Amino acid sequence: QPLLHRVDADLGYEQFFQQWQPVLGQVLDGDVSAGQD
């Protein structure tokens, strides 16, 4: 089961990673709905 939707990032991935990392943290802390959208 995926925790979040897969990310497909290009060479300039930093902006995606800055959005993804805190949401992943929320999901890992128990908020399973944090990354649904």
PDB file of all heavy atoms in Angstrom:
ATOM      1  N   GLN A   1       0.827  -1.202   0.000  1.00  0.00           N
ATOM      2  CA  GLN A   1       0.000   0.000   0.000  1.00  0.00           C
ATOM      3  C   GLN A   1       0.867   1.260   0.000  1.00  0.00           C
ATOM      4  O   GLN A   1       1.695   1.440   0.882  1.00  0.00           O
ATOM      5  CB  GLN A   1      -0.899   0.014   1.242  1.00  0.00           C
ATOM      6  CG  GLN A   1      -1.900  -1.123   1.286  1.00  0.00           C
ATOM      7  CD  GLN A   1      -2.868  -1.071   0.123  1.00  0.00           C
ATOM      8  OE1 GLN A   1      -3.443  -0.028  -0.165  1.00  0.00           O
ATOM      9  NE2 GLN A   1      -3.040  -2.190  -0.559  1.00  0.00           N
ATOM     10  N   PRO A   2       0.655   2.158  -0.968  1.00  0.00           N
ATOM     11  CA  PRO A   2       1.442   3.395  -0.993  1.00  0.00           C
ATOM     12  C   PRO A   2       0.987   4.352   0.112  1.00  0.00           C
ATOM     13  O   PRO A   2      -0.203   4.502   0.372  1.00  0.00           O
ATOM     14  CB  PRO A   2       1.146   3.976  -2.372  1.00  0.00           C
ATOM     15  CG  PRO A   2      -0.176   3.405  -2.756  1.00  0.00           C
ATOM     16  CD  PRO A   2      -0.263   2.058  -2.102  1.00  0.00           C
ATOM     17  N   LEU A   3       1.957   4.987   0.756  1.00  0.00           N
ATOM     18  CA  LEU A   3       1.657   6.022   1.745  1.00  0.00           C
ATOM     19  C   LEU A   3       1.219   7.305   1.053  1.00  0.00           C
ATOM     20  O   LEU A   3       0.374   8.040   1.554  1.00  0.00           O
ATOM     21  CB  LEU A   3       2.892   6.314   2.604  1.00  0.00           C
ATOM     22  CG  LEU A   3       3.382   5.190   3.499  1.00  0.00           C
ATOM     23  CD1 LEU A   3       4.775   5.501   4.040  1.00  0.00           C
ATOM     24  CD2 LEU A   3       2.399   4.958   4.635  1.00  0.00           C
ATOM     25  N   LEU A   4       1.825   7.575  -0.096  1.00  0.00           N
ATOM     26  CA  LEU A   4       1.562   8.766  -0.909  1.00  0.00           C
ATOM     27  C   LEU A   4       1.571   8.359  -2.376  1.00  0.00           C
ATOM     28  O   LEU A   4       2.096   7.307  -2.719  1.00  0.00           O
ATOM     29  CB  LEU A   4       2.662   9.813  -0.700  1.00  0.00           C
ATOM     30  CG  LEU A   4       2.869  10.357   0.699  1.00  0.00           C
ATOM     31  CD1 LEU A   4       4.185  11.132   0.774  1.00  0.00           C
ATOM     32  CD2 LEU A   4       1.726  11.260   1.093  1.00  0.00           C
ATOM     33  N   HIS A   5       1.037   9.215  -3.211  1.00  0.00           N
ATOM     34  CA  HIS A   5       1.132   8.981  -4.653  1.00  0.00           C
ATOM     35  C   HIS A   5       2.597   9.089  -5.071  1.00  0.00           C
ATOM     36  O   HIS A   5       3.347   9.905  -4.545  1.00  0.00           O
ATOM     37  CB  HIS A   5       0.304   9.999  -5.435  1.00  0.00           C
ATOM     38  CG  HIS A   5      -1.159   9.951  -5.119  1.00  0.00           C
ATOM     39  ND1 HIS A   5      -1.981   8.952  -5.587  1.00  0.00           N
ATOM     40  CD2 HIS A   5      -1.929  10.761  -4.370  1.00  0.00           C
ATOM     41  CE1 HIS A   5      -3.210   9.154  -5.143  1.00  0.00           C
ATOM     42  NE2 HIS A   5      -3.203  10.249  -4.406  1.00  0.00           N
ATOM     43  N   ARG A   6       2.996   8.261  -6.028  1.00  0.00           N
ATOM     44  CA  ARG A   6       4.368   8.297  -6.538  1.00  0.00           C
ATOM     45  C   ARG A   6       4.686   9.680  -7.105  1.00  0.00           C
ATOM     46  O   ARG A   6       3.854  10.308  -7.753  1.00  0.00           O
ATOM     47  CB  ARG A   6       4.546   7.255  -7.642  1.00  0.00           C
ATOM     48  CG  ARG A   6       5.979   7.162  -8.187  1.00  0.00           C
ATOM     49  CD  ARG A   6       6.079   6.327  -9.460  1.00  0.00           C
ATOM     50  NE  ARG A   6       5.496   7.030 -10.598  1.00  0.00           N
ATOM     51  CZ  ARG A   6       4.378   6.638 -11.232  1.00  0.00           C
ATOM     52  NH1 ARG A   6       3.747   5.538 -10.894  1.00  0.00           N
ATOM     53  NH2 ARG A   6       3.895   7.340 -12.249  1.00  0.00           N
ATOM     54  N   VAL A   7       5.899  10.148  -6.860  1.00  0.00           N
ATOM     55  CA  VAL A   7       6.368  11.416  -7.415  1.00  0.00           C
ATOM     56  C   VAL A   7       7.242  11.121  -8.623  1.00  0.00           C
ATOM     57  O   VAL A   7       8.115  10.252  -8.568  1.00  0.00           O
ATOM     58  CB  VAL A   7       7.188  12.203  -6.364  1.00  0.00           C
ATOM     59  CG1 VAL A   7       7.749  13.486  -6.966  1.00  0.00           C
ATOM     60  CG2 VAL A   7       6.348  12.507  -5.136  1.00  0.00           C
ATOM     61  N   ASP A   8       7.002  11.817  -9.720  1.00  0.00           N
ATOM     62  CA  ASP A   8       7.856  11.764 -10.905  1.00  0.00           C
ATOM     63  C   ASP A   8       8.457  13.151 -11.060  1.00  0.00           C
ATOM     64  O   ASP A   8       7.788  14.067 -11.537  1.00  0.00           O
ATOM     65  CB  ASP A   8       7.063  11.401 -12.162  1.00  0.00           C
ATOM     66  CG  ASP A   8       6.523   9.982 -12.129  1.00  0.00           C
ATOM     67  OD1 ASP A   8       7.051   9.160 -11.371  1.00  0.00           O
ATOM     68  OD2 ASP A   8       5.562   9.702 -12.876  1.00  0.00           O
ATOM     69  N   ALA A   9       9.707  13.319 -10.623  1.00  0.00           N
ATOM     70  CA  ALA A   9      10.355  14.628 -10.635  1.00  0.00           C
ATOM     71  C   ALA A   9      11.449  14.684 -11.700  1.00  0.00           C
ATOM     72  O   ALA A   9      12.109  13.694 -11.973  1.00  0.00           O
ATOM     73  CB  ALA A   9      10.951  14.922  -9.255  1.00  0.00           C
ATOM     74  N   ASP A  10      11.628  15.860 -12.232  1.00  0.00           N
ATOM     75  CA  ASP A  10      12.664  16.111 -13.232  1.00  0.00           C
ATOM     76  C   ASP A  10      13.907  16.663 -12.534  1.00  0.00           C
ATOM     77  O   ASP A  10      13.975  16.703 -11.312  1.00  0.00           O
ATOM     78  CB  ASP A  10      12.131  17.104 -14.263  1.00  0.00           C
ATOM     79  CG  ASP A  10      12.878  17.086 -15.584  1.00  0.00           C
ATOM     80  OD1 ASP A  10      13.890  16.387 -15.701  1.00  0.00           O
ATOM     81  OD2 ASP A  10      12.440  17.797 -16.514  1.00  0.00           O
ATOM     82  N   LEU A  11      14.854  17.118 -13.318  1.00  0.00           N
ATOM     83  CA  LEU A  11      16.124  17.593 -12.785  1.00  0.00           C
ATOM     84  C   LEU A  11      15.954  18.650 -11.697  1.00  0.00           C
ATOM     85  O   LEU A  11      16.690  18.653 -10.725  1.00  0.00           O
ATOM     86  CB  LEU A  11      17.000  18.133 -13.916  1.00  0.00           C
ATOM     87  CG  LEU A  11      17.353  17.125 -15.001  1.00  0.00           C
ATOM     88  CD1 LEU A  11      18.085  17.801 -16.141  1.00  0.00           C
ATOM     89  CD2 LEU A  11      18.183  15.998 -14.417  1.00  0.00           C
ATOM     90  N   GLY A  12      15.002  19.532 -11.813  1.00  0.00           N
ATOM     91  CA  GLY A  12      14.746  20.545 -10.790  1.00  0.00           C
ATOM     92  C   GLY A  12      13.765  20.028  -9.754  1.00  0.00           C
ATOM     93  O   GLY A  12      12.678  20.556  -9.575  1.00  0.00           O
ATOM     94  N   TYR A  13      14.152  18.995  -9.034  1.00  0.00           N
ATOM     95  CA  TYR A  13      13.251  18.285  -8.120  1.00  0.00           C
ATOM     96  C   TYR A  13      13.086  18.958  -6.759  1.00  0.00           C
ATOM     97  O   TYR A  13      12.219  18.579  -5.978  1.00  0.00           O
ATOM     98  CB  TYR A  13      13.768  16.862  -7.884  1.00  0.00           C
ATOM     99  CG  TYR A  13      15.099  16.823  -7.157  1.00  0.00           C
ATOM    100  CD1 TYR A  13      15.149  16.790  -5.777  1.00  0.00           C
ATOM    101  CD2 TYR A  13      16.288  16.842  -7.858  1.00  0.00           C
ATOM    102  CE1 TYR A  13      16.360  16.778  -5.114  1.00  0.00           C
ATOM    103  CE2 TYR A  13      17.500  16.825  -7.207  1.00  0.00           C
ATOM    104  CZ  TYR A  13      17.538  16.799  -5.840  1.00  0.00           C
ATOM    105  OH  TYR A  13      18.732  16.793  -5.182  1.00  0.00           O
ATOM    106  N   GLU A  14      13.903  19.953  -6.442  1.00  0.00           N
ATOM    107  CA  GLU A  14      13.934  20.512  -5.095  1.00  0.00           C
ATOM    108  C   GLU A  14      12.565  20.997  -4.616  1.00  0.00           C
ATOM    109  O   GLU A  14      12.181  20.759  -3.477  1.00  0.00           O
ATOM    110  CB  GLU A  14      14.955  21.658  -5.006  1.00  0.00           C
ATOM    111  CG  GLU A  14      16.384  21.230  -5.197  1.00  0.00           C
ATOM    112  CD  GLU A  14      16.829  21.197  -6.660  1.00  0.00           C
ATOM    113  OE1 GLU A  14      16.004  21.462  -7.566  1.00  0.00           O
ATOM    114  OE2 GLU A  14      18.005  20.872  -6.896  1.00  0.00           O
ATOM    115  N   GLN A  15      11.828  21.685  -5.492  1.00  0.00           N
ATOM    116  CA  GLN A  15      10.515  22.208  -5.097  1.00  0.00           C
ATOM    117  C   GLN A  15       9.557  21.057  -4.775  1.00  0.00           C
ATOM    118  O   GLN A  15       8.822  21.127  -3.797  1.00  0.00           O
ATOM    119  CB  GLN A  15       9.936  23.095  -6.201  1.00  0.00           C
ATOM    120  CG  GLN A  15       8.631  23.742  -5.814  1.00  0.00           C
ATOM    121  CD  GLN A  15       8.070  24.632  -6.906  1.00  0.00           C
ATOM    122  OE1 GLN A  15       8.530  24.617  -8.040  1.00  0.00           O
ATOM    123  NE2 GLN A  15       7.061  25.410  -6.567  1.00  0.00           N
ATOM    124  N   PHE A  16       9.557  20.002  -5.581  1.00  0.00           N
ATOM    125  CA  PHE A  16       8.721  18.836  -5.289  1.00  0.00           C
ATOM    126  C   PHE A  16       9.110  18.225  -3.950  1.00  0.00           C
ATOM    127  O   PHE A  16       8.258  17.877  -3.141  1.00  0.00           O
ATOM    128  CB  PHE A  16       8.866  17.776  -6.380  1.00  0.00           C
ATOM    129  CG  PHE A  16       7.973  17.973  -7.584  1.00  0.00           C
ATOM    130  CD1 PHE A  16       7.195  19.099  -7.749  1.00  0.00           C
ATOM    131  CD2 PHE A  16       7.925  17.004  -8.566  1.00  0.00           C
ATOM    132  CE1 PHE A  16       6.381  19.259  -8.855  1.00  0.00           C
ATOM    133  CE2 PHE A  16       7.110  17.144  -9.680  1.00  0.00           C
ATOM    134  CZ  PHE A  16       6.345  18.278  -9.824  1.00  0.00           C
ATOM    135  N   PHE A  17      10.417  18.083  -3.712  1.00  0.00           N
ATOM    136  CA  PHE A  17      10.876  17.447  -2.472  1.00  0.00           C
ATOM    137  C   PHE A  17      10.474  18.278  -1.259  1.00  0.00           C
ATOM    138  O   PHE A  17      10.067  17.727  -0.233  1.00  0.00           O
ATOM    139  CB  PHE A  17      12.389  17.213  -2.495  1.00  0.00           C
ATOM    140  CG  PHE A  17      12.851  16.347  -1.362  1.00  0.00           C
ATOM    141  CD1 PHE A  17      12.625  14.972  -1.393  1.00  0.00           C
ATOM    142  CD2 PHE A  17      13.473  16.889  -0.249  1.00  0.00           C
ATOM    143  CE1 PHE A  17      13.018  14.159  -0.342  1.00  0.00           C
ATOM    144  CE2 PHE A  17      13.880  16.086   0.798  1.00  0.00           C
ATOM    145  CZ  PHE A  17      13.655  14.721   0.755  1.00  0.00           C
ATOM    146  N   GLN A  18      10.548  19.608  -1.367  1.00  0.00           N
ATOM    147  CA  GLN A  18      10.150  20.483  -0.261  1.00  0.00           C
ATOM    148  C   GLN A  18       8.662  20.371   0.042  1.00  0.00           C
ATOM    149  O   GLN A  18       8.241  20.574   1.184  1.00  0.00           O
ATOM    150  CB  GLN A  18      10.542  21.928  -0.556  1.00  0.00           C
ATOM    151  CG  GLN A  18      12.033  22.159  -0.509  1.00  0.00           C
ATOM    152  CD  GLN A  18      12.439  23.537  -1.004  1.00  0.00           C
ATOM    153  OE1 GLN A  18      11.612  24.339  -1.434  1.00  0.00           O
ATOM    154  NE2 GLN A  18      13.727  23.817  -0.972  1.00  0.00           N
ATOM    155  N   GLN A  19       7.849  20.046  -0.946  1.00  0.00           N
ATOM    156  CA  GLN A  19       6.412  19.837  -0.723  1.00  0.00           C
ATOM    157  C   GLN A  19       6.146  18.439  -0.170  1.00  0.00           C
ATOM    158  O   GLN A  19       5.288  18.254   0.693  1.00  0.00           O
ATOM    159  CB  GLN A  19       5.640  20.003  -2.033  1.00  0.00           C
ATOM    160  CG  GLN A  19       5.646  21.399  -2.591  1.00  0.00           C
ATOM    161  CD  GLN A  19       4.960  21.432  -3.945  1.00  0.00           C
ATOM    162  OE1 GLN A  19       3.836  20.970  -4.106  1.00  0.00           O
ATOM    163  NE2 GLN A  19       5.642  21.988  -4.929  1.00  0.00           N
ATOM    164  N   TRP A  20       6.876  17.458  -0.667  1.00  0.00           N
ATOM    165  CA  TRP A  20       6.641  16.048  -0.358  1.00  0.00           C
ATOM    166  C   TRP A  20       7.122  15.663   1.031  1.00  0.00           C
ATOM    167  O   TRP A  20       6.429  14.958   1.767  1.00  0.00           O
ATOM    168  CB  TRP A  20       7.344  15.214  -1.426  1.00  0.00           C
ATOM    169  CG  TRP A  20       7.224  13.735  -1.330  1.00  0.00           C
ATOM    170  CD1 TRP A  20       6.156  12.975  -1.732  1.00  0.00           C
ATOM    171  CD2 TRP A  20       8.204  12.801  -0.857  1.00  0.00           C
ATOM    172  NE1 TRP A  20       6.430  11.642  -1.536  1.00  0.00           N
ATOM    173  CE2 TRP A  20       7.673  11.520  -0.994  1.00  0.00           C
ATOM    174  CE3 TRP A  20       9.484  12.952  -0.334  1.00  0.00           C
ATOM    175  CZ2 TRP A  20       8.369  10.370  -0.630  1.00  0.00           C
ATOM    176  CZ3 TRP A  20      10.184  11.822   0.034  1.00  0.00           C
ATOM    177  CH2 TRP A  20       9.625  10.546  -0.107  1.00  0.00           C
ATOM    178  N   GLN A  21       8.305  16.114   1.424  1.00  0.00           N
ATOM    179  CA  GLN A  21       8.927  15.676   2.679  1.00  0.00           C
ATOM    180  C   GLN A  21       8.064  15.950   3.920  1.00  0.00           C
ATOM    181  O   GLN A  21       7.847  15.033   4.714  1.00  0.00           O
ATOM    182  CB  GLN A  21      10.307  16.316   2.824  1.00  0.00           C
ATOM    183  CG  GLN A  21      11.064  15.811   4.029  1.00  0.00           C
ATOM    184  CD  GLN A  21      12.427  16.466   4.155  1.00  0.00           C
ATOM    185  OE1 GLN A  21      12.654  17.567   3.658  1.00  0.00           O
ATOM    186  NE2 GLN A  21      13.327  15.784   4.825  1.00  0.00           N
ATOM    187  N   PRO A  22       7.530  17.164   4.120  1.00  0.00           N
ATOM    188  CA  PRO A  22       6.715  17.368   5.325  1.00  0.00           C
ATOM    189  C   PRO A  22       5.421  16.556   5.314  1.00  0.00           C
ATOM    190  O   PRO A  22       4.960  16.102   6.359  1.00  0.00           O
ATOM    191  CB  PRO A  22       6.438  18.870   5.345  1.00  0.00           C
ATOM    192  CG  PRO A  22       6.795  19.383   4.003  1.00  0.00           C
ATOM    193  CD  PRO A  22       7.726  18.405   3.370  1.00  0.00           C
ATOM    194  N   VAL A  23       4.849  16.351   4.129  1.00  0.00           N
ATOM    195  CA  VAL A  23       3.622  15.547   4.047  1.00  0.00           C
ATOM    196  C   VAL A  23       3.931  14.095   4.388  1.00  0.00           C
ATOM    197  O   VAL A  23       3.179  13.440   5.117  1.00  0.00           O
ATOM    198  CB  VAL A  23       2.962  15.679   2.654  1.00  0.00           C
ATOM    199  CG1 VAL A  23       1.762  14.758   2.533  1.00  0.00           C
ATOM    200  CG2 VAL A  23       2.560  17.126   2.397  1.00  0.00           C
ATOM    201  N   LEU A  24       5.054  13.583   3.891  1.00  0.00           N
ATOM    202  CA  LEU A  24       5.471  12.235   4.258  1.00  0.00           C
ATOM    203  C   LEU A  24       5.641  12.138   5.773  1.00  0.00           C
ATOM    204  O   LEU A  24       5.211  11.161   6.391  1.00  0.00           O
ATOM    205  CB  LEU A  24       6.769  11.841   3.553  1.00  0.00           C
ATOM    206  CG  LEU A  24       7.341  10.468   3.920  1.00  0.00           C
ATOM    207  CD1 LEU A  24       6.365   9.349   3.554  1.00  0.00           C
ATOM    208  CD2 LEU A  24       8.694  10.256   3.262  1.00  0.00           C
ATOM    209  N   GLY A  25       6.234  13.160   6.379  1.00  0.00           N
ATOM    210  CA  GLY A  25       6.385  13.183   7.834  1.00  0.00           C
ATOM    211  C   GLY A  25       5.049  13.110   8.549  1.00  0.00           C
ATOM    212  O   GLY A  25       4.903  12.373   9.530  1.00  0.00           O
ATOM    213  N   GLN A  26       4.054  13.844   8.062  1.00  0.00           N
ATOM    214  CA  GLN A  26       2.711  13.809   8.659  1.00  0.00           C
ATOM    215  C   GLN A  26       2.116  12.409   8.564  1.00  0.00           C
ATOM    216  O   GLN A  26       1.519  11.911   9.521  1.00  0.00           O
ATOM    217  CB  GLN A  26       1.780  14.810   7.957  1.00  0.00           C
ATOM    218  CG  GLN A  26       2.086  16.246   8.222  1.00  0.00           C
ATOM    219  CD  GLN A  26       1.180  17.148   7.398  1.00  0.00           C
ATOM    220  OE1 GLN A  26       1.224  17.125   6.158  1.00  0.00           O
ATOM    221  NE2 GLN A  26       0.346  17.916   8.073  1.00  0.00           N
ATOM    222  N   VAL A  27       2.266  11.791   7.410  1.00  0.00           N
ATOM    223  CA  VAL A  27       1.726  10.443   7.208  1.00  0.00           C
ATOM    224  C   VAL A  27       2.420   9.454   8.141  1.00  0.00           C
ATOM    225  O   VAL A  27       1.777   8.625   8.780  1.00  0.00           O
ATOM    226  CB  VAL A  27       1.848  10.009   5.728  1.00  0.00           C
ATOM    227  CG1 VAL A  27       1.468   8.550   5.550  1.00  0.00           C
ATOM    228  CG2 VAL A  27       0.980  10.900   4.835  1.00  0.00           C
ATOM    229  N   LEU A  28       3.745   9.558   8.237  1.00  0.00           N
ATOM    230  CA  LEU A  28       4.485   8.655   9.118  1.00  0.00           C
ATOM    231  C   LEU A  28       4.145   8.886  10.592  1.00  0.00           C
ATOM    232  O   LEU A  28       4.244   7.968  11.405  1.00  0.00           O
ATOM    233  CB  LEU A  28       5.996   8.812   8.888  1.00  0.00           C
ATOM    234  CG  LEU A  28       6.505   8.318   7.540  1.00  0.00           C
ATOM    235  CD1 LEU A  28       7.976   8.675   7.373  1.00  0.00           C
ATOM    236  CD2 LEU A  28       6.275   6.827   7.361  1.00  0.00           C
ATOM    237  N   ASP A  29       3.709  10.117  10.924  1.00  0.00           N
ATOM    238  CA  ASP A  29       3.295  10.424  12.299  1.00  0.00           C
ATOM    239  C   ASP A  29       1.855  10.012  12.581  1.00  0.00           C
ATOM    240  O   ASP A  29       1.340  10.268  13.669  1.00  0.00           O
ATOM    241  CB  ASP A  29       3.476  11.918  12.590  1.00  0.00           C
ATOM    242  CG  ASP A  29       4.929  12.308  12.791  1.00  0.00           C
ATOM    243  OD1 ASP A  29       5.759  11.421  13.081  1.00  0.00           O
ATOM    244  OD2 ASP A  29       5.239  13.519  12.641  1.00  0.00           O
ATOM    245  N   GLY A  30       1.188   9.401  11.600  1.00  0.00           N
ATOM    246  CA  GLY A  30      -0.142   8.856  11.831  1.00  0.00           C
ATOM    247  C   GLY A  30      -1.287   9.525  11.104  1.00  0.00           C
ATOM    248  O   GLY A  30      -2.411   9.036  11.141  1.00  0.00           O
ATOM    249  N   ASP A  31      -1.055  10.646  10.442  1.00  0.00           N
ATOM    250  CA  ASP A  31      -2.112  11.327   9.694  1.00  0.00           C
ATOM    251  C   ASP A  31      -2.171  10.727   8.289  1.00  0.00           C
ATOM    252  O   ASP A  31      -1.633  11.280   7.332  1.00  0.00           O
ATOM    253  CB  ASP A  31      -1.851  12.825   9.645  1.00  0.00           C
ATOM    254  CG  ASP A  31      -2.973  13.606   8.969  1.00  0.00           C
ATOM    255  OD1 ASP A  31      -3.964  12.986   8.513  1.00  0.00           O
ATOM    256  OD2 ASP A  31      -2.849  14.851   8.892  1.00  0.00           O
ATOM    257  N   VAL A  32      -2.835   9.574   8.152  1.00  0.00           N
ATOM    258  CA  VAL A  32      -2.837   8.834   6.886  1.00  0.00           C
ATOM    259  C   VAL A  32      -3.529   9.583   5.752  1.00  0.00           C
ATOM    260  O   VAL A  32      -3.282   9.304   4.581  1.00  0.00           O
ATOM    261  CB  VAL A  32      -3.466   7.426   7.049  1.00  0.00           C
ATOM    262  CG1 VAL A  32      -2.595   6.563   7.933  1.00  0.00           C
ATOM    263  CG2 VAL A  32      -4.879   7.515   7.584  1.00  0.00           C
ATOM    264  N   SER A  33      -4.378  10.559   6.066  1.00  0.00           N
ATOM    265  CA  SER A  33      -5.076  11.286   5.011  1.00  0.00           C
ATOM    266  C   SER A  33      -4.304  12.518   4.533  1.00  0.00           C
ATOM    267  O   SER A  33      -4.715  13.156   3.575  1.00  0.00           O
ATOM    268  CB  SER A  33      -6.468  11.708   5.497  1.00  0.00           C
ATOM    269  OG  SER A  33      -6.352  12.627   6.573  1.00  0.00           O
ATOM    270  N   ALA A  34      -3.177  12.840   5.162  1.00  0.00           N
ATOM    271  CA  ALA A  34      -2.436  14.066   4.834  1.00  0.00           C
ATOM    272  C   ALA A  34      -2.011  14.129   3.371  1.00  0.00           C
ATOM    273  O   ALA A  34      -2.004  15.195   2.776  1.00  0.00           O
ATOM    274  CB  ALA A  34      -1.212  14.195   5.733  1.00  0.00           C
ATOM    275  N   GLY A  35      -1.655  13.020   2.781  1.00  0.00           N
ATOM    276  CA  GLY A  35      -1.127  13.046   1.425  1.00  0.00           C
ATOM    277  C   GLY A  35      -2.083  12.626   0.341  1.00  0.00           C
ATOM    278  O   GLY A  35      -1.682  12.471  -0.818  1.00  0.00           O
ATOM    279  N   GLN A  36      -3.352  12.461   0.667  1.00  0.00           N
ATOM    280  CA  GLN A  36      -4.301  11.961  -0.340  1.00  0.00           C
ATOM    281  C   GLN A  36      -4.405  12.848  -1.568  1.00  0.00           C
ATOM    282  O   GLN A  36      -4.583  12.358  -2.677  1.00  0.00           O
ATOM    283  CB  GLN A  36      -5.691  11.792   0.277  1.00  0.00           C
ATOM    284  CG  GLN A  36      -5.786  10.615   1.206  1.00  0.00           C
ATOM    285  CD  GLN A  36      -7.173  10.470   1.805  1.00  0.00           C
ATOM    286  OE1 GLN A  36      -7.959  11.420   1.807  1.00  0.00           O
ATOM    287  NE2 GLN A  36      -7.478   9.299   2.318  1.00  0.00           N
ATOM    288  N   ASP A  37      -4.281  14.149  -1.398  1.00  0.00           N
ATOM    289  CA  ASP A  37      -4.447  15.070  -2.525  1.00  0.00           C
ATOM    290  C   ASP A  37      -3.125  15.540  -3.119  1.00  0.00           C
ATOM    291  O   ASP A  37      -3.112  16.316  -4.066  1.00  0.00           O
ATOM    292  CB  ASP A  37      -5.265  16.290  -2.091  1.00  0.00           C
ATOM    293  CG  ASP A  37      -6.685  15.910  -1.707  1.00  0.00           C
ATOM    294  OD1 ASP A  37      -7.226  14.940  -2.276  1.00  0.00           O
ATOM    295  OD2 ASP A  37      -7.261  16.584  -0.826  1.00  0.00           O
TER     296      ASP A  37
END
